[in-house]
Amino acid sequence: MDDENGWAFLAVVGNLILKKKPDFDPRNFGFAKLTPLIKSLKQFEIEERESGDSKIKHVYVRNQPIRRFE
């Protein structure tokens, strides 16, 4: 579901979560929607992209790159 750079459309991610865990609800974690829940997790990078409608932005997520210490 992700592109060549690892970005996945959050709406698709949300649908896949619900298919695997139908009882999943971000409100159980104190969030009204999935986007704020994902934003609160430091393991994900968030990117908001413009859509055809200036009032709507599409949210994409990907895992944070692994940092290696030398």
N, C-alpha and C. Protein backbone atom coordinates (compact mmCIF):
# COMPACT_ATOMS: atom_id res chain seq x y z
N MET A 1 0.80 -1.19 0.00
CA MET A 1 0.00 0.00 0.00
C MET A 1 0.85 1.26 0.00
N ASP A 2 2.17 1.14 0.25
CA ASP A 2 3.02 2.32 0.25
C ASP A 2 3.68 2.50 -1.11
N ASP A 3 4.16 3.73 -1.35
CA ASP A 3 4.83 4.01 -2.61
C ASP A 3 6.32 3.66 -2.51
N GLU A 4 7.06 4.00 -3.53
CA GLU A 4 8.49 3.63 -3.57
C GLU A 4 9.32 4.31 -2.49
N ASN A 5 8.77 5.38 -1.89
CA ASN A 5 9.47 6.08 -0.81
C ASN A 5 8.94 5.71 0.57
N GLY A 6 8.02 4.76 0.62
CA GLY A 6 7.50 4.30 1.90
C GLY A 6 6.26 5.02 2.41
N TRP A 7 5.73 6.00 1.65
CA TRP A 7 4.56 6.75 2.08
C TRP A 7 3.28 5.97 1.78
N ALA A 8 2.36 5.96 2.74
CA ALA A 8 1.06 5.31 2.57
C ALA A 8 -0.04 6.31 2.91
N PHE A 9 -1.10 6.29 2.13
CA PHE A 9 -2.25 7.16 2.36
C PHE A 9 -2.94 6.70 3.64
N LEU A 10 -3.11 7.61 4.60
CA LEU A 10 -3.62 7.23 5.91
C LEU A 10 -5.03 6.64 5.84
N ALA A 11 -5.85 7.07 4.91
CA ALA A 11 -7.20 6.51 4.77
C ALA A 11 -7.13 5.02 4.44
N VAL A 12 -6.18 4.64 3.59
CA VAL A 12 -6.01 3.23 3.24
C VAL A 12 -5.50 2.45 4.46
N VAL A 13 -4.56 3.03 5.18
CA VAL A 13 -4.04 2.39 6.39
C VAL A 13 -5.18 2.17 7.38
N GLY A 14 -6.02 3.17 7.57
CA GLY A 14 -7.16 3.05 8.48
C GLY A 14 -8.11 1.94 8.07
N ASN A 15 -8.37 1.82 6.78
CA ASN A 15 -9.25 0.75 6.29
C ASN A 15 -8.64 -0.62 6.55
N LEU A 16 -7.34 -0.75 6.36
CA LEU A 16 -6.68 -2.03 6.61
C LEU A 16 -6.70 -2.38 8.10
N ILE A 17 -6.52 -1.40 8.95
CA ILE A 17 -6.60 -1.64 10.40
C ILE A 17 -7.99 -2.18 10.75
N LEU A 18 -9.03 -1.55 10.20
CA LEU A 18 -10.39 -1.98 10.51
C LEU A 18 -10.70 -3.37 9.98
N LYS A 19 -10.10 -3.75 8.85
CA LYS A 19 -10.30 -5.11 8.32
C LYS A 19 -9.68 -6.14 9.26
N LYS A 20 -8.51 -5.82 9.80
CA LYS A 20 -7.82 -6.76 10.70
C LYS A 20 -8.36 -6.72 12.12
N LYS A 21 -8.75 -5.54 12.57
CA LYS A 21 -9.26 -5.35 13.93
C LYS A 21 -10.54 -4.52 13.87
N PRO A 22 -11.68 -5.16 13.56
CA PRO A 22 -12.93 -4.40 13.40
C PRO A 22 -13.35 -3.59 14.62
N ASP A 23 -12.87 -3.95 15.80
CA ASP A 23 -13.25 -3.21 17.00
C ASP A 23 -12.30 -2.04 17.29
N PHE A 24 -11.33 -1.78 16.40
CA PHE A 24 -10.41 -0.67 16.61
C PHE A 24 -11.16 0.66 16.55
N ASP A 25 -10.88 1.53 17.50
CA ASP A 25 -11.48 2.86 17.53
C ASP A 25 -10.48 3.80 18.20
N PRO A 26 -10.04 4.85 17.50
CA PRO A 26 -9.06 5.77 18.10
C PRO A 26 -9.57 6.43 19.37
N ARG A 27 -10.88 6.48 19.57
CA ARG A 27 -11.43 7.08 20.79
C ARG A 27 -11.05 6.27 22.02
N ASN A 28 -10.78 4.98 21.83
CA ASN A 28 -10.33 4.15 22.96
C ASN A 28 -8.95 4.57 23.47
N PHE A 29 -8.24 5.35 22.66
CA PHE A 29 -6.90 5.83 23.01
C PHE A 29 -6.89 7.33 23.29
N GLY A 30 -8.09 7.92 23.38
CA GLY A 30 -8.21 9.33 23.71
C GLY A 30 -8.16 10.28 22.53
N PHE A 31 -8.36 9.76 21.31
CA PHE A 31 -8.31 10.60 20.12
C PHE A 31 -9.61 10.48 19.34
N ALA A 32 -10.12 11.58 18.85
CA ALA A 32 -11.37 11.58 18.10
C ALA A 32 -11.23 10.90 16.74
N LYS A 33 -10.04 11.01 16.16
CA LYS A 33 -9.81 10.45 14.82
C LYS A 33 -8.45 9.79 14.74
N LEU A 34 -8.23 9.05 13.65
CA LEU A 34 -6.98 8.32 13.47
C LEU A 34 -5.79 9.26 13.27
N THR A 35 -5.97 10.34 12.54
CA THR A 35 -4.84 11.24 12.25
C THR A 35 -4.15 11.75 13.51
N PRO A 36 -4.88 12.29 14.49
CA PRO A 36 -4.18 12.74 15.71
C PRO A 36 -3.50 11.60 16.47
N LEU A 37 -4.11 10.42 16.43
CA LEU A 37 -3.49 9.27 17.09
C LEU A 37 -2.15 8.95 16.45
N ILE A 38 -2.11 8.88 15.13
CA ILE A 38 -0.87 8.58 14.41
C ILE A 38 0.15 9.69 14.64
N LYS A 39 -0.29 10.94 14.64
CA LYS A 39 0.62 12.07 14.87
C LYS A 39 1.26 12.00 16.25
N SER A 40 0.56 11.42 17.21
CA SER A 40 1.10 11.33 18.57
C SER A 40 2.18 10.26 18.71
N LEU A 41 2.26 9.36 17.75
CA LEU A 41 3.24 8.28 17.79
C LEU A 41 4.52 8.73 17.11
N LYS A 42 5.60 8.75 17.82
CA LYS A 42 6.86 9.29 17.30
C LYS A 42 7.51 8.37 16.26
N GLN A 43 6.99 7.16 16.09
CA GLN A 43 7.61 6.24 15.14
C GLN A 43 7.21 6.52 13.70
N PHE A 44 6.24 7.44 13.50
CA PHE A 44 5.78 7.73 12.15
C PHE A 44 6.12 9.14 11.73
N GLU A 45 6.41 9.27 10.46
CA GLU A 45 6.59 10.56 9.82
C GLU A 45 5.27 10.89 9.14
N ILE A 46 4.82 12.14 9.21
CA ILE A 46 3.54 12.55 8.65
C ILE A 46 3.79 13.58 7.56
N GLU A 47 3.05 13.45 6.47
CA GLU A 47 3.12 14.44 5.39
C GLU A 47 1.71 14.77 4.95
N GLU A 48 1.36 16.04 4.94
CA GLU A 48 0.05 16.48 4.46
C GLU A 48 0.23 17.05 3.07
N ARG A 49 -0.53 16.49 2.12
CA ARG A 49 -0.42 16.89 0.72
C ARG A 49 -1.70 17.57 0.26
N GLU A 50 -1.52 18.54 -0.60
CA GLU A 50 -2.66 19.27 -1.16
C GLU A 50 -3.51 18.32 -2.00
N SER A 51 -4.81 18.57 -1.99
CA SER A 51 -5.72 17.84 -2.86
C SER A 51 -6.29 18.85 -3.87
N GLY A 52 -7.23 18.44 -4.66
CA GLY A 52 -7.86 19.36 -5.61
C GLY A 52 -8.70 20.42 -4.91
N ASP A 53 -9.09 20.16 -3.68
CA ASP A 53 -9.89 21.08 -2.89
C ASP A 53 -8.97 21.77 -1.88
N SER A 54 -8.95 23.08 -1.89
CA SER A 54 -8.03 23.82 -1.01
C SER A 54 -8.32 23.60 0.48
N LYS A 55 -9.53 23.12 0.81
CA LYS A 55 -9.89 22.89 2.21
C LYS A 55 -9.50 21.50 2.69
N ILE A 56 -9.09 20.65 1.77
CA ILE A 56 -8.80 19.25 2.12
C ILE A 56 -7.33 18.94 1.85
N LYS A 57 -6.70 18.31 2.84
CA LYS A 57 -5.33 17.83 2.65
C LYS A 57 -5.34 16.32 2.85
N HIS A 58 -4.57 15.63 2.04
CA HIS A 58 -4.43 14.19 2.19
C HIS A 58 -3.25 13.91 3.10
N VAL A 59 -3.45 13.01 4.05
CA VAL A 59 -2.42 12.70 5.03
C VAL A 59 -1.75 11.38 4.63
N TYR A 60 -0.43 11.42 4.57
CA TYR A 60 0.38 10.24 4.27
C TYR A 60 1.30 9.98 5.45
N VAL A 61 1.59 8.71 5.69
CA VAL A 61 2.46 8.33 6.79
C VAL A 61 3.52 7.35 6.31
N ARG A 62 4.62 7.32 7.03
CA ARG A 62 5.64 6.30 6.81
C ARG A 62 6.43 6.14 8.10
N ASN A 63 7.06 5.00 8.22
CA ASN A 63 7.91 4.76 9.39
C ASN A 63 9.07 5.73 9.38
N GLN A 64 9.46 6.17 10.55
CA GLN A 64 10.65 7.02 10.66
C GLN A 64 11.85 6.22 10.19
N PRO A 65 12.76 6.86 9.48
CA PRO A 65 13.98 6.16 9.07
C PRO A 65 14.76 5.68 10.30
N ILE A 66 15.36 4.54 10.19
CA ILE A 66 16.18 4.01 11.27
C ILE A 66 17.47 4.80 11.32
N ARG A 67 17.79 5.29 12.49
CA ARG A 67 19.04 6.05 12.67
C ARG A 67 20.08 5.11 13.24
N ARG A 68 21.19 5.08 12.60
CA ARG A 68 22.29 4.23 13.06
C ARG A 68 23.36 5.12 13.67
N PHE A 69 23.84 4.70 14.80
CA PHE A 69 24.90 5.43 15.48
C PHE A 69 26.23 4.81 15.13
N GLU A 70 27.16 5.67 14.81
CA GLU A 70 28.50 5.16 14.47
C GLU A 70 29.50 5.49 15.53
